[in-house]
N, C-alpha and C. Protein backbone atom coordinates (compact mmCIF):
# COMPACT_ATOMS: atom_id res chain seq x y z
N UNK A 1 16.14 -34.10 -17.41
CA UNK A 1 16.37 -32.76 -16.90
C UNK A 1 17.87 -32.48 -16.90
N UNK A 2 18.23 -31.34 -17.34
CA UNK A 2 19.63 -30.97 -17.42
C UNK A 2 20.12 -30.55 -16.04
N UNK A 3 21.43 -30.73 -15.78
CA UNK A 3 21.97 -30.46 -14.44
C UNK A 3 21.80 -29.01 -14.03
N UNK A 4 21.85 -28.06 -14.98
CA UNK A 4 21.72 -26.65 -14.61
C UNK A 4 20.29 -26.33 -14.19
N UNK A 5 19.31 -26.95 -14.83
CA UNK A 5 17.93 -26.71 -14.41
C UNK A 5 17.66 -27.38 -13.06
N UNK A 6 18.31 -28.55 -12.82
CA UNK A 6 18.21 -29.20 -11.50
C UNK A 6 18.78 -28.30 -10.41
N UNK A 7 19.94 -27.71 -10.70
CA UNK A 7 20.57 -26.83 -9.74
C UNK A 7 19.71 -25.60 -9.48
N UNK A 8 19.16 -25.04 -10.54
CA UNK A 8 18.30 -23.86 -10.38
C UNK A 8 17.06 -24.20 -9.56
N UNK A 9 16.46 -25.34 -9.84
CA UNK A 9 15.29 -25.78 -9.08
C UNK A 9 15.66 -26.00 -7.61
N UNK A 10 16.78 -26.64 -7.38
CA UNK A 10 17.24 -26.88 -6.01
C UNK A 10 17.44 -25.56 -5.27
N UNK A 11 18.12 -24.61 -5.91
CA UNK A 11 18.38 -23.33 -5.25
C UNK A 11 17.09 -22.56 -4.99
N UNK A 12 16.14 -22.62 -5.91
CA UNK A 12 14.84 -21.97 -5.69
C UNK A 12 14.11 -22.58 -4.51
N UNK A 13 14.09 -23.91 -4.45
CA UNK A 13 13.38 -24.57 -3.35
C UNK A 13 14.10 -24.35 -2.03
N UNK A 14 15.42 -24.35 -2.05
CA UNK A 14 16.18 -24.08 -0.84
C UNK A 14 15.89 -22.67 -0.34
N UNK A 15 15.82 -21.72 -1.25
CA UNK A 15 15.51 -20.34 -0.89
C UNK A 15 14.11 -20.23 -0.28
N UNK A 16 13.14 -20.95 -0.85
CA UNK A 16 11.79 -20.94 -0.31
C UNK A 16 11.76 -21.55 1.09
N UNK A 17 12.48 -22.65 1.29
CA UNK A 17 12.54 -23.28 2.60
C UNK A 17 13.16 -22.35 3.63
N UNK A 18 14.23 -21.67 3.23
CA UNK A 18 14.89 -20.75 4.15
C UNK A 18 13.97 -19.58 4.49
N UNK A 19 13.28 -19.05 3.49
CA UNK A 19 12.35 -17.94 3.75
C UNK A 19 11.25 -18.37 4.72
N UNK A 20 10.70 -19.56 4.48
CA UNK A 20 9.64 -20.06 5.36
C UNK A 20 10.12 -20.27 6.78
N UNK A 21 11.30 -20.86 6.93
CA UNK A 21 11.86 -21.09 8.26
C UNK A 21 12.15 -19.77 8.97
N UNK A 22 12.70 -18.81 8.23
CA UNK A 22 13.02 -17.51 8.81
C UNK A 22 11.74 -16.78 9.24
N UNK A 23 10.71 -16.86 8.41
CA UNK A 23 9.42 -16.22 8.76
C UNK A 23 8.84 -16.85 10.02
N UNK A 24 8.88 -18.17 10.10
CA UNK A 24 8.37 -18.86 11.29
C UNK A 24 9.17 -18.49 12.53
N UNK A 25 10.49 -18.42 12.37
CA UNK A 25 11.35 -18.04 13.49
C UNK A 25 11.02 -16.62 13.95
N UNK A 26 10.87 -15.70 13.01
CA UNK A 26 10.53 -14.32 13.36
C UNK A 26 9.19 -14.24 14.06
N UNK A 27 8.22 -15.00 13.58
CA UNK A 27 6.90 -15.00 14.21
C UNK A 27 6.98 -15.54 15.64
N UNK A 28 7.76 -16.61 15.83
CA UNK A 28 7.90 -17.19 17.18
C UNK A 28 8.58 -16.21 18.12
N UNK A 29 9.64 -15.56 17.65
CA UNK A 29 10.35 -14.59 18.49
C UNK A 29 9.45 -13.41 18.80
N UNK A 30 8.71 -12.95 17.80
CA UNK A 30 7.80 -11.83 18.00
C UNK A 30 6.73 -12.16 19.05
N UNK A 31 6.19 -13.38 18.95
CA UNK A 31 5.18 -13.82 19.93
C UNK A 31 5.78 -13.86 21.33
N UNK A 32 7.01 -14.35 21.45
CA UNK A 32 7.65 -14.43 22.76
C UNK A 32 7.92 -13.04 23.32
N UNK A 33 8.30 -12.10 22.46
CA UNK A 33 8.57 -10.74 22.92
C UNK A 33 7.28 -10.05 23.35
N UNK A 34 6.21 -10.27 22.59
CA UNK A 34 4.92 -9.65 22.93
C UNK A 34 4.41 -10.15 24.27
N UNK A 35 4.57 -11.42 24.49
CA UNK A 35 4.06 -12.02 25.72
C UNK A 35 5.05 -11.93 26.87
N UNK A 36 6.24 -11.46 26.59
CA UNK A 36 7.31 -11.35 27.58
C UNK A 36 7.50 -12.65 28.34
N UNK A 37 7.28 -13.74 27.64
CA UNK A 37 7.45 -15.08 28.19
C UNK A 37 6.54 -15.34 29.40
N UNK A 38 5.48 -14.52 29.57
CA UNK A 38 4.56 -14.78 30.67
C UNK A 38 3.61 -15.92 30.34
N UNK A 39 3.40 -16.14 29.09
CA UNK A 39 2.51 -17.22 28.68
C UNK A 39 3.36 -18.42 28.29
N UNK A 40 3.65 -19.27 29.23
CA UNK A 40 4.52 -20.41 28.99
C UNK A 40 3.93 -21.38 27.97
N UNK A 41 2.63 -21.59 28.02
CA UNK A 41 1.98 -22.51 27.07
C UNK A 41 2.11 -21.97 25.65
N UNK A 42 1.90 -20.68 25.48
CA UNK A 42 2.02 -20.06 24.15
C UNK A 42 3.45 -20.12 23.64
N UNK A 43 4.41 -19.89 24.53
CA UNK A 43 5.81 -19.96 24.14
C UNK A 43 6.19 -21.38 23.74
N UNK A 44 5.69 -22.35 24.49
CA UNK A 44 5.97 -23.75 24.18
C UNK A 44 5.36 -24.12 22.83
N UNK A 45 4.14 -23.68 22.60
CA UNK A 45 3.47 -23.96 21.34
C UNK A 45 4.22 -23.34 20.18
N UNK A 46 4.66 -22.09 20.34
CA UNK A 46 5.42 -21.42 19.29
C UNK A 46 6.74 -22.13 19.03
N UNK A 47 7.41 -22.54 20.09
CA UNK A 47 8.68 -23.24 19.95
C UNK A 47 8.50 -24.58 19.25
N UNK A 48 7.47 -25.32 19.64
CA UNK A 48 7.22 -26.61 19.00
C UNK A 48 6.86 -26.43 17.52
N UNK A 49 6.09 -25.41 17.22
CA UNK A 49 5.72 -25.14 15.83
C UNK A 49 6.97 -24.81 15.01
N UNK A 50 7.84 -23.99 15.56
CA UNK A 50 9.09 -23.65 14.89
C UNK A 50 9.94 -24.90 14.67
N UNK A 51 10.09 -25.72 15.70
CA UNK A 51 10.88 -26.94 15.57
C UNK A 51 10.29 -27.87 14.51
N UNK A 52 8.97 -27.99 14.51
CA UNK A 52 8.31 -28.85 13.54
C UNK A 52 8.56 -28.35 12.11
N UNK A 53 8.51 -27.04 11.91
CA UNK A 53 8.74 -26.49 10.58
C UNK A 53 10.19 -26.65 10.16
N UNK A 54 11.12 -26.51 11.09
CA UNK A 54 12.54 -26.71 10.77
C UNK A 54 12.79 -28.16 10.36
N UNK A 55 12.23 -29.10 11.12
CA UNK A 55 12.39 -30.52 10.79
C UNK A 55 11.74 -30.83 9.45
N UNK A 56 10.55 -30.31 9.22
CA UNK A 56 9.86 -30.54 7.96
C UNK A 56 10.66 -29.98 6.79
N UNK A 57 11.19 -28.78 6.95
CA UNK A 57 12.01 -28.18 5.90
C UNK A 57 13.26 -29.00 5.65
N UNK A 58 13.87 -29.48 6.71
CA UNK A 58 15.07 -30.30 6.58
C UNK A 58 14.77 -31.59 5.82
N UNK A 59 13.65 -32.22 6.14
CA UNK A 59 13.27 -33.45 5.45
C UNK A 59 12.97 -33.19 3.98
N UNK A 60 12.31 -32.08 3.69
CA UNK A 60 12.04 -31.72 2.30
C UNK A 60 13.33 -31.50 1.54
N UNK A 61 14.28 -30.83 2.17
CA UNK A 61 15.57 -30.59 1.54
C UNK A 61 16.31 -31.91 1.29
N UNK A 62 16.28 -32.81 2.26
CA UNK A 62 16.94 -34.10 2.08
C UNK A 62 16.30 -34.89 0.94
N UNK A 63 14.97 -34.84 0.85
CA UNK A 63 14.27 -35.54 -0.23
C UNK A 63 14.64 -34.93 -1.59
N UNK A 64 14.71 -33.62 -1.65
CA UNK A 64 15.09 -32.94 -2.88
C UNK A 64 16.51 -33.32 -3.29
N UNK A 65 17.44 -33.30 -2.33
CA UNK A 65 18.82 -33.67 -2.63
C UNK A 65 18.92 -35.12 -3.12
N UNK A 66 18.17 -36.01 -2.50
CA UNK A 66 18.19 -37.41 -2.92
C UNK A 66 17.66 -37.55 -4.35
N UNK A 67 16.57 -36.84 -4.65
CA UNK A 67 15.99 -36.90 -5.99
C UNK A 67 16.96 -36.35 -7.02
N UNK A 68 17.58 -35.21 -6.72
CA UNK A 68 18.53 -34.62 -7.65
C UNK A 68 19.75 -35.51 -7.86
N UNK A 69 20.21 -36.14 -6.80
CA UNK A 69 21.34 -37.05 -6.90
C UNK A 69 21.01 -38.22 -7.81
N UNK A 70 19.82 -38.79 -7.63
CA UNK A 70 19.41 -39.92 -8.48
C UNK A 70 19.26 -39.49 -9.94
N UNK A 71 18.68 -38.32 -10.17
CA UNK A 71 18.53 -37.83 -11.54
C UNK A 71 19.90 -37.63 -12.19
N UNK A 72 20.83 -37.07 -11.44
CA UNK A 72 22.17 -36.85 -11.99
C UNK A 72 22.89 -38.16 -12.25
N UNK A 73 22.73 -39.14 -11.38
CA UNK A 73 23.34 -40.45 -11.61
C UNK A 73 22.75 -41.10 -12.85
N UNK A 74 21.43 -40.97 -13.01
CA UNK A 74 20.78 -41.54 -14.19
C UNK A 74 21.32 -40.89 -15.46
N UNK A 75 21.48 -39.57 -15.44
CA UNK A 75 22.03 -38.87 -16.61
C UNK A 75 23.46 -39.34 -16.89
N UNK A 76 24.23 -39.52 -15.85
CA UNK A 76 25.61 -39.98 -16.01
C UNK A 76 25.64 -41.35 -16.67
N UNK A 77 24.85 -42.29 -16.14
CA UNK A 77 24.86 -43.64 -16.70
C UNK A 77 24.25 -43.67 -18.09
N UNK A 78 23.21 -42.90 -18.33
CA UNK A 78 22.64 -42.83 -19.68
C UNK A 78 23.68 -42.32 -20.67
N UNK A 79 24.43 -41.30 -20.26
CA UNK A 79 25.48 -40.77 -21.12
C UNK A 79 26.59 -41.78 -21.35
N UNK A 80 26.95 -42.48 -20.30
CA UNK A 80 28.01 -43.51 -20.39
C UNK A 80 27.62 -44.59 -21.40
N UNK A 81 26.42 -45.16 -21.23
CA UNK A 81 26.00 -46.22 -22.12
C UNK A 81 25.75 -45.70 -23.53
N UNK A 82 25.21 -44.49 -23.64
CA UNK A 82 25.01 -43.88 -24.95
C UNK A 82 26.32 -43.68 -25.69
N UNK A 83 27.36 -43.29 -24.98
CA UNK A 83 28.67 -43.09 -25.59
C UNK A 83 29.20 -44.39 -26.18
N UNK A 84 29.11 -45.48 -25.42
CA UNK A 84 29.64 -46.75 -25.90
C UNK A 84 28.75 -47.40 -26.96
N UNK A 85 27.48 -47.08 -26.98
CA UNK A 85 26.61 -47.60 -28.05
C UNK A 85 26.99 -46.96 -29.39
N UNK A 86 27.42 -45.72 -29.33
CA UNK A 86 27.73 -44.98 -30.55
C UNK A 86 29.14 -45.24 -31.08
N UNK A 87 29.94 -46.01 -30.35
CA UNK A 87 31.30 -46.30 -30.81
C UNK A 87 31.34 -47.35 -31.89
């Protein structure tokens, strides 16, 4: 995979993660506003759901970054060895 396609894929997935997190945050805030915080159990559930999604998104992002880093390192070393084989 070429570095520009890796970057494009990374940016697309990052954008999706941000959209998902923002949607979840908006839903949680909307639920809290509708209930005026009178329903403590519902607010707690919404908050926990939001936190879980943020952590999940963060872990997905970290996994993606690790994968892209390894792919780029592999390309670098393949290029390095390929260069010296052709000399």
